[in-house]
Amino acid sequence: MRYDIPDLIQPSEDVMQWLVLGATYILLVLFLIGVVNLVVGLYELIISGSFTDPAEVILLLDTVLVLLIIVEVHRTLLAYARQEPVIQIVVGAGIVAVAREVISFQVQDFSDTQSALAAAASLGVLILTLVVAYFIVRRIEPTAAEL
């Protein structure tokens, strides 16, 4: 009995397709939980009167950025399931993730100013690299509409 490679590969591709779709629904549930958490957090900020505290606002923004990362990962999984290009979406998610780190960056979290400066410079280089990569990929990679 002879097996062809495509016949052996197909079940694996089918299972992976279902697993990717399952992950997208899990992310959808996580996003809904995050939105509820965001609304509750905003309500608590307003009720407590701490909506003018920059640290509290940054924590709320952090939640928003985590939600955006979930959206980008969800988009990546859907594009992957549709067999569309995903590099542009992944780089966009990376930009949001690094921006989240930049927004929540606190010098007090480091032992000395040298460490804080090195971390800030690293974040700057990382976000600059991701932005350049995003525009390069955007020029090169076809969008879903062009496929």
N, C-alpha and C. Protein backbone atom coordinates (compact mmCIF):
# COMPACT_ATOMS: atom_id res chain seq x y z
N MET A 1 0.85 -1.18 0.00
CA MET A 1 0.00 0.00 0.00
C MET A 1 0.89 1.24 0.00
N ARG A 2 0.66 2.13 -0.93
CA ARG A 2 1.51 3.31 -1.10
C ARG A 2 0.72 4.55 -0.69
N TYR A 3 1.38 5.41 0.12
CA TYR A 3 0.77 6.65 0.56
C TYR A 3 1.43 7.81 -0.16
N ASP A 4 0.62 8.76 -0.58
CA ASP A 4 1.16 9.99 -1.16
C ASP A 4 1.32 11.01 -0.05
N ILE A 5 2.36 11.81 -0.15
CA ILE A 5 2.64 12.83 0.86
C ILE A 5 1.45 13.79 1.02
N PRO A 6 0.85 14.30 -0.03
CA PRO A 6 -0.31 15.20 0.16
C PRO A 6 -1.46 14.54 0.93
N ASP A 7 -1.64 13.23 0.74
CA ASP A 7 -2.70 12.53 1.47
C ASP A 7 -2.40 12.47 2.96
N LEU A 8 -1.12 12.39 3.31
CA LEU A 8 -0.73 12.34 4.72
C LEU A 8 -0.73 13.72 5.36
N ILE A 9 -0.51 14.75 4.58
CA ILE A 9 -0.44 16.12 5.10
C ILE A 9 -1.84 16.69 5.37
N GLN A 10 -2.80 16.36 4.55
CA GLN A 10 -4.13 16.97 4.62
C GLN A 10 -4.80 16.85 5.98
N PRO A 11 -4.79 15.69 6.65
CA PRO A 11 -5.43 15.64 7.98
C PRO A 11 -4.78 16.59 8.98
N SER A 12 -3.46 16.70 8.90
CA SER A 12 -2.75 17.62 9.79
C SER A 12 -3.17 19.06 9.53
N GLU A 13 -3.29 19.44 8.28
CA GLU A 13 -3.73 20.80 7.94
C GLU A 13 -5.15 21.06 8.42
N ASP A 14 -6.00 20.07 8.28
CA ASP A 14 -7.39 20.23 8.74
C ASP A 14 -7.46 20.43 10.25
N VAL A 15 -6.71 19.62 10.99
CA VAL A 15 -6.71 19.74 12.45
C VAL A 15 -6.17 21.11 12.85
N MET A 16 -5.08 21.54 12.20
CA MET A 16 -4.50 22.84 12.53
C MET A 16 -5.49 23.96 12.23
N GLN A 17 -6.22 23.86 11.16
CA GLN A 17 -7.22 24.87 10.81
C GLN A 17 -8.28 24.98 11.91
N TRP A 18 -8.75 23.84 12.41
CA TRP A 18 -9.74 23.84 13.48
C TRP A 18 -9.17 24.41 14.78
N LEU A 19 -7.92 24.07 15.08
CA LEU A 19 -7.29 24.59 16.30
C LEU A 19 -7.11 26.11 16.22
N VAL A 20 -6.74 26.61 15.06
CA VAL A 20 -6.60 28.06 14.88
C VAL A 20 -7.95 28.74 15.06
N LEU A 21 -9.00 28.16 14.50
CA LEU A 21 -10.34 28.74 14.67
C LEU A 21 -10.78 28.69 16.14
N GLY A 22 -10.44 27.62 16.83
CA GLY A 22 -10.75 27.54 18.26
C GLY A 22 -10.03 28.62 19.04
N ALA A 23 -8.77 28.88 18.69
CA ALA A 23 -8.01 29.94 19.36
C ALA A 23 -8.62 31.30 19.10
N THR A 24 -9.18 31.52 17.91
CA THR A 24 -9.80 32.81 17.63
C THR A 24 -11.03 33.04 18.52
N TYR A 25 -11.79 31.97 18.76
CA TYR A 25 -12.95 32.13 19.64
C TYR A 25 -12.53 32.33 21.10
N ILE A 26 -11.45 31.70 21.50
CA ILE A 26 -10.93 31.93 22.86
C ILE A 26 -10.50 33.39 23.00
N LEU A 27 -9.83 33.92 21.98
CA LEU A 27 -9.43 35.33 22.02
C LEU A 27 -10.64 36.25 22.04
N LEU A 28 -11.70 35.87 21.36
CA LEU A 28 -12.92 36.68 21.38
C LEU A 28 -13.49 36.75 22.79
N VAL A 29 -13.49 35.63 23.49
CA VAL A 29 -13.97 35.61 24.88
C VAL A 29 -13.06 36.46 25.76
N LEU A 30 -11.74 36.34 25.58
CA LEU A 30 -10.79 37.16 26.35
C LEU A 30 -11.01 38.64 26.09
N PHE A 31 -11.30 38.98 24.85
CA PHE A 31 -11.55 40.38 24.51
C PHE A 31 -12.80 40.89 25.22
N LEU A 32 -13.85 40.09 25.23
CA LEU A 32 -15.08 40.49 25.92
C LEU A 32 -14.84 40.68 27.42
N ILE A 33 -14.08 39.77 28.02
CA ILE A 33 -13.74 39.91 29.43
C ILE A 33 -12.94 41.19 29.65
N GLY A 34 -12.01 41.48 28.75
CA GLY A 34 -11.21 42.69 28.85
C GLY A 34 -12.03 43.96 28.74
N VAL A 35 -13.01 43.95 27.86
CA VAL A 35 -13.88 45.13 27.71
C VAL A 35 -14.68 45.35 28.99
N VAL A 36 -15.19 44.27 29.57
CA VAL A 36 -15.91 44.39 30.85
C VAL A 36 -14.97 44.94 31.92
N ASN A 37 -13.75 44.42 31.97
CA ASN A 37 -12.75 44.89 32.93
C ASN A 37 -12.45 46.37 32.71
N LEU A 38 -12.37 46.80 31.46
CA LEU A 38 -12.12 48.20 31.14
C LEU A 38 -13.26 49.10 31.62
N VAL A 39 -14.48 48.68 31.37
CA VAL A 39 -15.64 49.46 31.81
C VAL A 39 -15.69 49.55 33.33
N VAL A 40 -15.44 48.45 34.00
CA VAL A 40 -15.44 48.45 35.47
C VAL A 40 -14.32 49.35 36.00
N GLY A 41 -13.15 49.25 35.39
CA GLY A 41 -12.02 50.10 35.80
C GLY A 41 -12.30 51.57 35.61
N LEU A 42 -12.91 51.93 34.48
CA LEU A 42 -13.27 53.32 34.23
C LEU A 42 -14.31 53.80 35.23
N TYR A 43 -15.29 52.96 35.52
CA TYR A 43 -16.31 53.30 36.50
C TYR A 43 -15.68 53.55 37.87
N GLU A 44 -14.76 52.66 38.27
CA GLU A 44 -14.09 52.82 39.57
C GLU A 44 -13.25 54.09 39.62
N LEU A 45 -12.59 54.43 38.51
CA LEU A 45 -11.81 55.67 38.45
C LEU A 45 -12.69 56.89 38.65
N ILE A 46 -13.84 56.88 38.00
CA ILE A 46 -14.75 58.03 38.10
C ILE A 46 -15.36 58.11 39.50
N ILE A 47 -15.80 57.00 40.03
CA ILE A 47 -16.41 56.99 41.36
C ILE A 47 -15.42 57.39 42.44
N SER A 48 -14.18 56.89 42.35
CA SER A 48 -13.19 57.18 43.38
C SER A 48 -12.59 58.58 43.22
N GLY A 49 -12.78 59.19 42.06
CA GLY A 49 -12.22 60.52 41.82
C GLY A 49 -10.75 60.49 41.46
N SER A 50 -10.19 59.30 41.22
CA SER A 50 -8.77 59.20 40.89
C SER A 50 -8.50 59.24 39.39
N PHE A 51 -9.49 59.70 38.61
CA PHE A 51 -9.30 59.78 37.16
C PHE A 51 -8.30 60.87 36.77
N THR A 52 -7.89 61.70 37.72
CA THR A 52 -6.87 62.72 37.44
C THR A 52 -5.47 62.24 37.80
N ASP A 53 -5.37 61.07 38.40
CA ASP A 53 -4.08 60.50 38.77
C ASP A 53 -3.45 59.85 37.52
N PRO A 54 -2.29 60.38 37.08
CA PRO A 54 -1.67 59.83 35.86
C PRO A 54 -1.36 58.34 35.95
N ALA A 55 -0.96 57.86 37.11
CA ALA A 55 -0.64 56.44 37.25
C ALA A 55 -1.88 55.57 37.02
N GLU A 56 -3.02 56.01 37.50
CA GLU A 56 -4.26 55.26 37.31
C GLU A 56 -4.71 55.29 35.85
N VAL A 57 -4.54 56.43 35.21
CA VAL A 57 -4.91 56.55 33.80
C VAL A 57 -4.00 55.66 32.94
N ILE A 58 -2.72 55.60 33.29
CA ILE A 58 -1.79 54.75 32.55
C ILE A 58 -2.18 53.29 32.70
N LEU A 59 -2.63 52.90 33.89
CA LEU A 59 -3.10 51.52 34.07
C LEU A 59 -4.31 51.22 33.20
N LEU A 60 -5.19 52.19 33.06
CA LEU A 60 -6.37 52.02 32.19
C LEU A 60 -5.94 51.95 30.73
N LEU A 61 -5.00 52.81 30.35
CA LEU A 61 -4.47 52.76 28.97
C LEU A 61 -3.78 51.42 28.70
N ASP A 62 -3.14 50.88 29.70
CA ASP A 62 -2.49 49.58 29.56
C ASP A 62 -3.52 48.51 29.22
N THR A 63 -4.67 48.58 29.86
CA THR A 63 -5.75 47.64 29.55
C THR A 63 -6.23 47.81 28.12
N VAL A 64 -6.36 49.05 27.67
CA VAL A 64 -6.79 49.31 26.29
C VAL A 64 -5.78 48.73 25.31
N LEU A 65 -4.49 48.92 25.59
CA LEU A 65 -3.46 48.41 24.68
C LEU A 65 -3.41 46.88 24.68
N VAL A 66 -3.67 46.26 25.81
CA VAL A 66 -3.75 44.80 25.84
C VAL A 66 -4.92 44.33 24.97
N LEU A 67 -6.02 45.06 25.02
CA LEU A 67 -7.17 44.72 24.17
C LEU A 67 -6.81 44.86 22.69
N LEU A 68 -6.06 45.91 22.36
CA LEU A 68 -5.62 46.08 20.97
C LEU A 68 -4.70 44.94 20.53
N ILE A 69 -3.85 44.49 21.43
CA ILE A 69 -2.98 43.35 21.10
C ILE A 69 -3.81 42.10 20.86
N ILE A 70 -4.84 41.90 21.67
CA ILE A 70 -5.73 40.75 21.47
C ILE A 70 -6.41 40.85 20.11
N VAL A 71 -6.84 42.04 19.73
CA VAL A 71 -7.46 42.24 18.42
C VAL A 71 -6.47 41.89 17.31
N GLU A 72 -5.24 42.34 17.44
CA GLU A 72 -4.24 42.08 16.40
C GLU A 72 -3.91 40.59 16.31
N VAL A 73 -3.82 39.91 17.43
CA VAL A 73 -3.56 38.47 17.40
C VAL A 73 -4.76 37.75 16.79
N HIS A 74 -5.96 38.19 17.10
CA HIS A 74 -7.17 37.62 16.51
C HIS A 74 -7.15 37.80 14.99
N ARG A 75 -6.81 39.01 14.55
CA ARG A 75 -6.71 39.27 13.10
C ARG A 75 -5.65 38.38 12.45
N THR A 76 -4.54 38.17 13.15
CA THR A 76 -3.47 37.32 12.62
C THR A 76 -3.97 35.89 12.45
N LEU A 77 -4.66 35.38 13.46
CA LEU A 77 -5.16 34.01 13.37
C LEU A 77 -6.20 33.87 12.26
N LEU A 78 -7.07 34.85 12.12
CA LEU A 78 -8.06 34.78 11.04
C LEU A 78 -7.40 34.83 9.67
N ALA A 79 -6.40 35.70 9.51
CA ALA A 79 -5.68 35.77 8.23
C ALA A 79 -4.95 34.46 7.96
N TYR A 80 -4.38 33.89 9.00
CA TYR A 80 -3.70 32.60 8.84
C TYR A 80 -4.68 31.52 8.42
N ALA A 81 -5.86 31.50 9.05
CA ALA A 81 -6.87 30.50 8.70
C ALA A 81 -7.36 30.68 7.26
N ARG A 82 -7.40 31.91 6.80
CA ARG A 82 -7.82 32.19 5.42
C ARG A 82 -6.67 32.05 4.43
N GLN A 83 -5.49 31.74 4.95
CA GLN A 83 -4.27 31.62 4.16
C GLN A 83 -3.94 32.93 3.45
N GLU A 84 -4.10 34.02 4.19
CA GLU A 84 -3.73 35.35 3.71
C GLU A 84 -2.40 35.75 4.33
N PRO A 85 -1.73 36.76 3.79
CA PRO A 85 -0.47 37.22 4.38
C PRO A 85 -0.68 37.75 5.80
N VAL A 86 0.24 37.41 6.71
CA VAL A 86 0.08 37.79 8.11
C VAL A 86 1.22 38.67 8.64
N ILE A 87 2.27 38.84 7.87
CA ILE A 87 3.44 39.54 8.39
C ILE A 87 3.10 40.97 8.79
N GLN A 88 2.34 41.68 7.97
CA GLN A 88 1.98 43.06 8.28
C GLN A 88 1.18 43.13 9.58
N ILE A 89 0.29 42.20 9.80
CA ILE A 89 -0.52 42.19 11.02
C ILE A 89 0.36 41.90 12.23
N VAL A 90 1.29 40.96 12.08
CA VAL A 90 2.18 40.60 13.19
C VAL A 90 3.07 41.78 13.57
N VAL A 91 3.60 42.47 12.58
CA VAL A 91 4.45 43.64 12.86
C VAL A 91 3.61 44.74 13.53
N GLY A 92 2.37 44.92 13.07
CA GLY A 92 1.48 45.90 13.71
C GLY A 92 1.20 45.55 15.16
N ALA A 93 1.01 44.27 15.44
CA ALA A 93 0.80 43.83 16.82
C ALA A 93 2.05 44.09 17.65
N GLY A 94 3.22 43.89 17.05
CA GLY A 94 4.47 44.17 17.74
C GLY A 94 4.61 45.64 18.09
N ILE A 95 4.19 46.50 17.18
CA ILE A 95 4.24 47.94 17.44
C ILE A 95 3.35 48.30 18.62
N VAL A 96 2.16 47.75 18.65
CA VAL A 96 1.24 48.02 19.76
C VAL A 96 1.83 47.50 21.08
N ALA A 97 2.43 46.31 21.04
CA ALA A 97 3.01 45.73 22.26
C ALA A 97 4.17 46.58 22.78
N VAL A 98 5.03 47.06 21.88
CA VAL A 98 6.15 47.90 22.32
C VAL A 98 5.62 49.26 22.78
N ALA A 99 4.62 49.79 22.10
CA ALA A 99 4.03 51.06 22.54
C ALA A 99 3.46 50.92 23.95
N ARG A 100 2.89 49.78 24.24
CA ARG A 100 2.38 49.52 25.60
C ARG A 100 3.50 49.60 26.61
N GLU A 101 4.64 49.02 26.28
CA GLU A 101 5.79 49.08 27.19
C GLU A 101 6.30 50.51 27.34
N VAL A 102 6.30 51.27 26.25
CA VAL A 102 6.77 52.66 26.30
C VAL A 102 5.84 53.49 27.19
N ILE A 103 4.54 53.31 27.02
CA ILE A 103 3.59 54.09 27.80
C ILE A 103 3.69 53.77 29.29
N SER A 104 3.91 52.51 29.62
CA SER A 104 3.97 52.14 31.03
C SER A 104 5.39 52.19 31.60
N PHE A 105 6.33 52.73 30.83
CA PHE A 105 7.73 52.82 31.27
C PHE A 105 7.85 53.74 32.48
N GLN A 106 8.48 53.23 33.52
CA GLN A 106 8.69 53.99 34.76
C GLN A 106 10.17 53.91 35.13
N VAL A 107 10.80 55.05 35.26
CA VAL A 107 12.22 55.09 35.64
C VAL A 107 12.42 54.48 37.02
N GLN A 108 11.44 54.62 37.90
CA GLN A 108 11.54 54.10 39.26
C GLN A 108 11.66 52.57 39.28
N ASP A 109 11.27 51.90 38.21
CA ASP A 109 11.33 50.44 38.17
C ASP A 109 12.75 49.91 38.02
N PHE A 110 13.71 50.79 37.78
CA PHE A 110 15.09 50.37 37.54
C PHE A 110 15.98 50.75 38.72
N SER A 111 17.04 50.00 38.89
CA SER A 111 17.94 50.21 40.03
C SER A 111 18.74 51.50 39.92
N ASP A 112 19.09 51.88 38.69
CA ASP A 112 19.83 53.14 38.50
C ASP A 112 19.45 53.75 37.15
N THR A 113 19.91 54.98 36.95
CA THR A 113 19.55 55.69 35.72
C THR A 113 20.19 55.08 34.49
N GLN A 114 21.34 54.44 34.65
CA GLN A 114 22.00 53.79 33.50
C GLN A 114 21.11 52.66 32.96
N SER A 115 20.56 51.87 33.85
CA SER A 115 19.67 50.78 33.44
C SER A 115 18.41 51.33 32.78
N ALA A 116 17.85 52.37 33.35
CA ALA A 116 16.65 52.99 32.78
C ALA A 116 16.94 53.56 31.40
N LEU A 117 18.10 54.20 31.24
CA LEU A 117 18.47 54.77 29.94
C LEU A 117 18.69 53.67 28.91
N ALA A 118 19.33 52.59 29.31
CA ALA A 118 19.55 51.48 28.39
C ALA A 118 18.22 50.86 27.96
N ALA A 119 17.31 50.70 28.90
CA ALA A 119 15.99 50.14 28.57
C ALA A 119 15.21 51.07 27.66
N ALA A 120 15.27 52.37 27.94
CA ALA A 120 14.56 53.34 27.09
C ALA A 120 15.14 53.36 25.68
N ALA A 121 16.46 53.31 25.58
CA ALA A 121 17.09 53.29 24.26
C ALA A 121 16.72 52.02 23.50
N SER A 122 16.68 50.90 24.21
CA SER A 122 16.30 49.63 23.58
C SER A 122 14.87 49.68 23.06
N LEU A 123 13.98 50.23 23.86
CA LEU A 123 12.59 50.36 23.42
C LEU A 123 12.49 51.28 22.20
N GLY A 124 13.26 52.36 22.22
CA GLY A 124 13.26 53.29 21.08
C GLY A 124 13.75 52.63 19.80
N VAL A 125 14.85 51.89 19.91
CA VAL A 125 15.38 51.18 18.74
C VAL A 125 14.38 50.13 18.26
N LEU A 126 13.78 49.43 19.20
CA LEU A 126 12.82 48.38 18.85
C LEU A 126 11.60 48.95 18.13
N ILE A 127 11.05 50.03 18.64
CA ILE A 127 9.85 50.58 18.00
C ILE A 127 10.20 51.20 16.64
N LEU A 128 11.36 51.83 16.54
CA LEU A 128 11.79 52.39 15.25
C LEU A 128 11.98 51.28 14.23
N THR A 129 12.60 50.19 14.64
CA THR A 129 12.80 49.05 13.74
C THR A 129 11.47 48.46 13.29
N LEU A 130 10.53 48.32 14.22
CA LEU A 130 9.22 47.77 13.86
C LEU A 130 8.46 48.69 12.91
N VAL A 131 8.54 49.99 13.12
CA VAL A 131 7.85 50.93 12.24
C VAL A 131 8.45 50.88 10.83
N VAL A 132 9.76 50.84 10.75
CA VAL A 132 10.42 50.74 9.43
C VAL A 132 10.01 49.42 8.77
N ALA A 133 10.04 48.33 9.53
CA ALA A 133 9.64 47.03 8.99
C ALA A 133 8.19 47.05 8.53
N TYR A 134 7.33 47.72 9.28
CA TYR A 134 5.91 47.80 8.91
C TYR A 134 5.75 48.46 7.54
N PHE A 135 6.44 49.57 7.33
CA PHE A 135 6.30 50.26 6.05
C PHE A 135 6.95 49.49 4.90
N ILE A 136 8.03 48.78 5.19
CA ILE A 136 8.63 47.95 4.14
C ILE A 136 7.69 46.81 3.77
N VAL A 137 7.16 46.14 4.76
CA VAL A 137 6.24 45.03 4.50
C VAL A 137 4.98 45.53 3.81
N ARG A 138 4.53 46.69 4.21
CA ARG A 138 3.31 47.26 3.60
C ARG A 138 3.50 47.54 2.11
N ARG A 139 4.71 47.94 1.74
CA ARG A 139 5.01 48.19 0.31
C ARG A 139 5.15 46.90 -0.46
N ILE A 140 5.67 45.85 0.21
CA ILE A 140 5.99 44.61 -0.49
C ILE A 140 4.85 43.59 -0.46
N GLU A 141 4.28 43.38 0.73
CA GLU A 141 3.28 42.32 0.90
C GLU A 141 1.92 42.74 0.34
N PRO A 142 1.31 41.86 -0.45
CA PRO A 142 -0.04 42.18 -0.95
C PRO A 142 -1.06 42.12 0.18
N THR A 143 -2.07 42.95 0.09
CA THR A 143 -3.15 42.90 1.08
C THR A 143 -4.14 41.82 0.66
N ALA A 144 -5.08 41.54 1.55
CA ALA A 144 -6.09 40.52 1.27
C ALA A 144 -6.93 40.91 0.05
N ALA A 145 -7.15 42.20 -0.14
CA ALA A 145 -7.96 42.67 -1.27
C ALA A 145 -7.24 42.44 -2.60
N GLU A 146 -5.91 42.45 -2.56
CA GLU A 146 -5.14 42.27 -3.80
C GLU A 146 -4.97 40.81 -4.18
N LEU A 147 -5.26 39.91 -3.24
CA LEU A 147 -5.07 38.47 -3.53
C LEU A 147 -6.15 37.91 -4.37
